[in-house]
Amino acid sequence: MPVTSAPNRLRLAVQKSGRLSTDSLELLASCGIRVKSPKERLLLHSDNFPIDLLFVRDDDIPQLVMDGVCDLGIVGTNVLEEAALERRTQGSASGYLVERPLDFGGCRLAIALPEEKPYASAKDLQGLRIATSYPQLTKRFLAEQKISAEVVYLSGSVEIAPRLGLAEVICDLVASGSTLEANKLRAVETIFKSTAVLLRSTHQLPAEKTHTLEILLRRIDGVQKAAGAKYIMLHAPKTALAEIKKLLPGSENPTVLPLAGDESKVALHAVCSEAVFWETMESLKKAGASSILVLPIEKMML
């Protein structure tokens, strides 16, 4: 059965499994978009928003968006940049737009080698074999460093290449570093830092889809701003109000209200875009604030 969706609905490509898939679905849920059907299906439809989800391998997402098969995609910039470099090498079009960086999927692409192998600088890679699933990014790094080395492509299990004698060095994704440690490797050079992004095709969208995309982007912005913000309520002496305002991290134009029954104090409400630590609360308390409440913000629209 062919994979089809209504022409007026956005089509979004997401990774079919793994952490990025989970984070992508959680983002959509936070945006109020419901997807109820089991994820084992290739194409799922939201029942309360005009968007369809196509579950594919992450390596396929850039191609699907660049070719206009999907309007949008959520993918790591490591996969996106590798795909773009590959298409340029082949002389294929690689047009795309990054609509939004997303606050998940952080990792880095790093050169790693056996723990016992000495390393002083990138020049120590000269003449070695480097195993990687990201040959284009690795070749670009080597070219920038003016280093001649052999790049050995492996689609997976890159970390075992030195033990198998396939390569002396690897270039692989690193998050916590536990996989490298388990294989007695150490990262010595970061060549690319990656995070998830919302990718859009450069193909022209009809007006109805464009309107839907604008709504989706507003919701994503609201979710991401809320994730890093806190709502603070406190009582402040009028004489200390100026000092207390300065202590509020990332706050602009807090709301100041009269406090019933006490003309010497006011109630202050503020949205803080930076972290509010115990030290911040203690400083506010020392400045004269009382009844301090710090609350999470679920959604925000400016």
Protein backbone atom coordinates (compact mmCIF):
# COMPACT_ATOMS: atom_id res chain seq x y z
CA MET A 1 0.00 0.00 0.00
CA PRO A 2 1.52 3.38 -0.97
CA VAL A 3 2.38 5.94 1.73
CA THR A 4 -0.12 8.75 1.21
CA SER A 5 -1.43 11.76 3.11
CA ALA A 6 -3.84 14.58 2.31
CA PRO A 7 -2.27 17.38 0.22
CA ASN A 8 -3.20 20.07 2.76
CA ARG A 9 -1.42 18.33 5.66
CA LEU A 10 2.22 18.88 6.57
CA ARG A 11 4.40 15.78 6.36
CA LEU A 12 7.13 15.51 9.00
CA ALA A 13 9.92 12.91 8.86
CA VAL A 14 11.17 11.68 12.25
CA GLN A 15 13.58 8.98 13.33
CA LYS A 16 11.72 5.68 13.68
CA SER A 17 13.49 4.61 16.89
CA GLY A 18 15.98 5.82 19.43
CA ARG A 19 16.34 8.82 21.71
CA LEU A 20 15.77 11.38 18.96
CA SER A 21 12.48 9.71 18.08
CA THR A 22 11.32 9.83 21.69
CA ASP A 23 12.34 13.48 22.08
CA SER A 24 10.63 14.43 18.80
CA LEU A 25 7.34 12.85 19.87
CA GLU A 26 7.58 14.51 23.28
CA LEU A 27 8.08 17.89 21.59
CA LEU A 28 4.99 17.37 19.43
CA ALA A 29 3.00 16.29 22.49
CA SER A 30 4.12 19.44 24.30
CA CYS A 31 2.86 21.40 21.29
CA GLY A 32 -0.57 19.83 21.80
CA ILE A 33 -0.29 17.51 18.79
CA ARG A 34 -1.77 14.05 19.39
CA VAL A 35 -0.54 10.95 17.58
CA LYS A 36 -2.38 7.92 18.93
CA SER A 37 -1.63 5.13 16.47
CA PRO A 38 1.15 2.60 17.19
CA LYS A 39 4.59 3.72 16.03
CA GLU A 40 5.16 0.41 14.20
CA ARG A 41 3.33 1.92 11.24
CA LEU A 42 5.31 3.89 8.67
CA LEU A 43 2.92 6.84 8.43
CA LEU A 44 0.86 8.17 11.33
CA HIS A 45 -1.75 10.92 11.32
CA SER A 46 -2.39 13.46 14.07
CA ASP A 47 -6.07 13.53 14.93
CA ASN A 48 -6.11 17.16 16.13
CA PHE A 49 -3.57 18.94 13.89
CA PRO A 50 -3.03 18.82 10.10
CA ILE A 51 0.30 16.97 10.21
CA ASP A 52 1.40 13.44 9.33
CA LEU A 53 4.49 11.71 10.71
CA LEU A 54 6.70 9.53 8.55
CA PHE A 55 8.97 7.22 10.60
CA VAL A 56 12.25 6.48 8.82
CA ARG A 57 15.97 5.94 9.45
CA ASP A 58 17.67 9.17 10.47
CA ASP A 59 20.03 8.92 7.47
CA ASP A 60 17.02 9.14 5.15
CA ILE A 61 15.51 12.29 6.67
CA PRO A 62 17.72 14.91 4.91
CA GLN A 63 17.13 13.28 1.51
CA LEU A 64 13.35 13.12 2.02
CA VAL A 65 13.27 16.82 2.91
CA MET A 66 15.73 17.97 0.24
CA ASP A 67 13.77 16.09 -2.43
CA GLY A 68 10.46 17.53 -1.22
CA VAL A 69 8.97 14.15 -0.27
CA CYS A 70 8.52 15.54 3.24
CA ASP A 71 7.89 19.17 4.12
CA LEU A 72 9.75 18.95 7.43
CA GLY A 73 12.18 16.73 9.27
CA ILE A 74 13.70 16.49 12.74
CA VAL A 75 17.29 15.32 12.53
CA GLY A 76 20.70 15.85 14.11
CA THR A 77 22.95 18.38 12.40
CA ASN A 78 25.63 15.68 12.16
CA VAL A 79 23.39 13.63 9.86
CA LEU A 80 22.23 16.73 7.99
CA GLU A 81 25.72 18.07 7.31
CA GLU A 82 27.01 14.64 6.27
CA ALA A 83 24.13 14.25 3.81
CA ALA A 84 24.60 17.76 2.42
CA LEU A 85 28.32 17.17 1.86
CA GLU A 86 27.61 13.81 0.17
CA ARG A 87 25.07 15.35 -2.20
CA ARG A 88 27.44 18.18 -3.12
CA THR A 89 30.14 15.59 -3.84
CA GLN A 90 27.71 13.82 -6.18
CA GLY A 91 26.61 17.09 -7.78
CA SER A 92 23.04 16.74 -6.47
CA ALA A 93 20.93 19.59 -5.14
CA SER A 94 21.06 19.95 -1.36
CA GLY A 95 18.71 22.84 -0.66
CA TYR A 96 17.11 23.03 2.77
CA LEU A 97 16.26 25.51 5.51
CA VAL A 98 16.84 25.05 9.23
CA GLU A 99 13.66 26.45 10.74
CA ARG A 100 14.56 25.95 14.40
CA PRO A 101 17.40 24.54 16.48
CA LEU A 102 15.88 22.22 19.08
CA ASP A 103 16.97 21.81 22.68
CA PHE A 104 17.68 18.08 22.53
CA GLY A 105 19.90 15.61 20.69
CA GLY A 106 23.19 17.19 21.74
CA CYS A 107 26.34 15.21 20.93
CA ARG A 108 29.70 15.64 19.22
CA LEU A 109 31.62 13.91 16.47
CA ALA A 110 35.09 13.17 17.78
CA ILE A 111 38.35 11.55 16.83
CA ALA A 112 39.13 8.76 19.29
CA LEU A 113 42.04 6.37 19.61
CA PRO A 114 43.24 3.57 21.90
CA GLU A 115 44.02 4.78 25.42
CA GLU A 116 47.66 3.75 25.19
CA LYS A 117 48.27 5.53 21.87
CA PRO A 118 50.04 8.91 22.29
CA TYR A 119 48.43 12.02 20.80
CA ALA A 120 49.67 15.60 20.75
CA SER A 121 47.83 17.21 17.84
CA ALA A 122 45.88 16.47 14.67
CA LYS A 123 49.22 16.00 12.86
CA ASP A 124 49.51 12.63 14.66
CA LEU A 125 46.75 11.35 12.38
CA GLN A 126 48.99 11.62 9.33
CA GLY A 127 49.08 8.35 7.37
CA LEU A 128 46.67 6.51 9.66
CA ARG A 129 43.41 4.71 8.86
CA ILE A 130 40.32 6.32 10.41
CA ALA A 131 37.12 4.28 10.67
CA THR A 132 33.87 6.26 10.67
CA SER A 133 30.20 6.36 9.73
CA TYR A 134 30.69 10.02 8.74
CA PRO A 135 33.25 9.95 5.92
CA GLN A 136 32.39 13.36 4.47
CA LEU A 137 32.71 15.22 7.76
CA THR A 138 35.91 13.32 8.53
CA LYS A 139 37.41 14.10 5.11
CA ARG A 140 36.51 17.77 5.51
CA PHE A 141 38.29 17.90 8.87
CA LEU A 142 41.39 16.21 7.44
CA ALA A 143 41.43 18.61 4.48
CA GLU A 144 41.14 21.62 6.79
CA GLN A 145 44.05 20.29 8.85
CA LYS A 146 46.05 19.44 5.68
CA ILE A 147 46.40 15.84 6.80
CA SER A 148 46.63 12.81 4.51
CA ALA A 149 44.88 9.80 6.06
CA GLU A 150 42.75 6.92 4.82
CA VAL A 151 39.06 7.11 5.72
CA VAL A 152 37.46 3.67 6.18
CA TYR A 153 33.66 3.73 6.02
CA LEU A 154 31.73 1.57 8.51
CA SER A 155 27.95 1.75 8.86
CA GLY A 156 28.02 0.75 12.54
CA SER A 157 30.08 -0.62 15.45
CA VAL A 158 32.85 1.83 14.61
CA GLU A 159 34.34 1.59 18.10
CA ILE A 160 35.59 -1.99 17.53
CA ALA A 161 37.56 -1.11 14.37
CA PRO A 162 40.94 -0.73 16.16
CA ARG A 163 40.57 -4.12 17.89
CA LEU A 164 39.73 -5.78 14.56
CA GLY A 165 42.70 -4.17 12.85
CA LEU A 166 40.47 -2.27 10.41
CA ALA A 167 41.81 1.12 11.48
CA GLU A 168 44.13 2.70 14.03
CA VAL A 169 41.73 5.54 14.87
CA ILE A 170 37.97 6.15 14.78
CA CYS A 171 35.74 9.16 14.26
CA ASP A 172 32.39 8.61 15.95
CA LEU A 173 29.57 10.28 17.86
CA VAL A 174 30.21 10.85 21.55
CA ALA A 175 27.53 11.68 24.11
CA SER A 176 28.50 10.44 27.57
CA GLY A 177 31.74 8.77 26.49
CA SER A 178 30.80 5.45 28.13
CA THR A 179 30.99 3.50 24.84
CA LEU A 180 34.51 4.77 24.21
CA GLU A 181 35.55 3.91 27.75
CA ALA A 182 34.11 0.39 27.43
CA ASN A 183 36.24 -0.13 24.33
CA LYS A 184 39.37 1.40 25.90
CA LEU A 185 39.30 4.43 23.63
CA ARG A 186 39.63 8.12 24.41
CA ALA A 187 38.35 11.14 22.49
CA VAL A 188 41.13 13.54 21.53
CA GLU A 189 39.61 15.90 18.93
CA THR A 190 36.07 17.21 18.43
CA ILE A 191 35.42 17.86 14.74
CA PHE A 192 31.69 18.67 14.83
CA LYS A 193 29.13 19.60 17.49
CA SER A 194 25.60 18.46 16.81
CA THR A 195 22.09 19.13 18.05
CA ALA A 196 18.64 18.33 16.70
CA VAL A 197 17.03 20.79 14.29
CA LEU A 198 13.69 21.22 12.57
CA LEU A 199 14.49 21.06 8.87
CA ARG A 200 12.28 22.42 6.07
CA SER A 201 12.23 21.76 2.36
CA THR A 202 12.92 24.66 0.00
CA HIS A 203 9.99 23.52 -2.15
CA GLN A 204 7.19 26.08 -2.15
CA LEU A 205 4.42 25.30 0.32
CA PRO A 206 0.79 26.08 -0.52
CA ALA A 207 -0.89 28.76 1.59
CA GLU A 208 -2.72 26.31 3.84
CA LYS A 209 0.43 24.40 4.70
CA THR A 210 2.32 27.65 5.25
CA HIS A 211 -0.32 28.74 7.76
CA THR A 212 -0.08 25.38 9.56
CA LEU A 213 3.72 25.67 9.68
CA GLU A 214 3.47 29.14 11.24
CA ILE A 215 1.24 27.75 14.00
CA LEU A 216 3.62 24.84 14.59
CA LEU A 217 6.65 27.15 14.84
CA ARG A 218 4.87 29.41 17.34
CA ARG A 219 4.07 26.40 19.50
CA ILE A 220 7.64 25.08 19.32
CA ASP A 221 8.96 28.51 20.29
CA GLY A 222 6.54 28.59 23.21
CA VAL A 223 7.56 25.13 24.43
CA GLN A 224 11.28 25.87 24.19
CA LYS A 225 11.03 29.24 25.90
CA ALA A 226 8.92 27.75 28.67
CA ALA A 227 11.42 24.91 29.19
CA GLY A 228 14.14 27.36 30.20
CA ALA A 229 11.94 29.72 32.21
CA LYS A 230 10.50 29.93 35.69
CA TYR A 231 7.67 32.00 37.16
CA ILE A 232 8.63 33.76 40.40
CA MET A 233 6.23 35.28 42.92
CA LEU A 234 7.41 37.05 46.05
CA HIS A 235 6.68 39.83 48.52
CA ALA A 236 9.16 42.71 48.58
CA PRO A 237 9.60 45.80 50.74
CA LYS A 238 9.13 48.90 48.62
CA THR A 239 12.47 50.20 49.86
CA ALA A 240 14.28 47.10 48.50
CA LEU A 241 12.37 46.76 45.24
CA ALA A 242 15.14 48.09 42.99
CA GLU A 243 17.74 45.75 44.50
CA ILE A 244 15.42 42.73 44.29
CA LYS A 245 14.65 43.40 40.62
CA LYS A 246 18.40 43.31 39.86
CA LEU A 247 18.69 39.88 41.50
CA LEU A 248 16.04 38.25 39.32
CA PRO A 249 17.91 36.27 36.61
CA GLY A 250 16.95 37.14 33.05
CA SER A 251 13.78 38.96 34.12
CA GLU A 252 12.32 41.88 32.18
CA ASN A 253 9.56 44.20 33.37
CA PRO A 254 8.28 42.25 36.38
CA THR A 255 4.70 42.89 37.45
CA VAL A 256 4.46 44.87 40.70
CA LEU A 257 1.14 44.82 42.59
CA PRO A 258 0.03 46.42 45.85
CA LEU A 259 -0.04 43.98 48.77
CA ALA A 260 -3.33 43.99 50.66
CA GLY A 261 -2.96 44.82 54.34
CA ASP A 262 0.66 46.01 54.13
CA GLU A 263 1.40 49.32 52.42
CA SER A 264 5.14 48.92 53.01
CA LYS A 265 5.37 45.90 50.68
CA VAL A 266 4.39 44.91 47.16
CA ALA A 267 3.79 41.59 45.42
CA LEU A 268 6.20 40.96 42.55
CA HIS A 269 5.56 38.48 39.74
CA ALA A 270 8.23 37.79 37.11
CA VAL A 271 9.12 35.35 34.35
CA CYS A 272 12.82 34.51 34.56
CA SER A 273 14.47 33.15 31.43
CA GLU A 274 17.54 31.90 33.29
CA ALA A 275 18.00 29.26 35.96
CA VAL A 276 16.78 30.11 39.44
CA PHE A 277 19.08 28.43 41.93
CA TRP A 278 18.85 28.14 45.72
CA GLU A 279 21.61 30.76 45.88
CA THR A 280 19.34 33.16 43.94
CA MET A 281 16.50 32.60 46.39
CA GLU A 282 18.84 33.09 49.35
CA SER A 283 20.05 36.39 47.85
CA LEU A 284 16.46 37.51 47.35
CA LYS A 285 15.67 36.57 50.95
CA LYS A 286 18.72 38.48 52.20
CA ALA A 287 17.58 41.54 50.23
CA GLY A 288 14.26 41.48 52.06
CA ALA A 289 12.03 39.33 49.89
CA SER A 290 9.62 36.90 51.53
CA SER A 291 7.04 34.27 50.52
CA ILE A 292 9.19 33.35 47.51
CA LEU A 293 7.62 30.87 45.11
CA VAL A 294 9.36 29.47 42.01
CA LEU A 295 7.07 27.63 39.58
CA PRO A 296 7.71 25.80 36.28
CA ILE A 297 6.09 27.12 33.11
CA GLU A 298 4.45 24.59 30.82
CA LYS A 299 3.65 26.83 27.86
CA MET A 300 4.50 30.38 26.83
CA MET A 301 3.33 32.62 23.98
CA LEU A 302 4.73 36.12 23.59
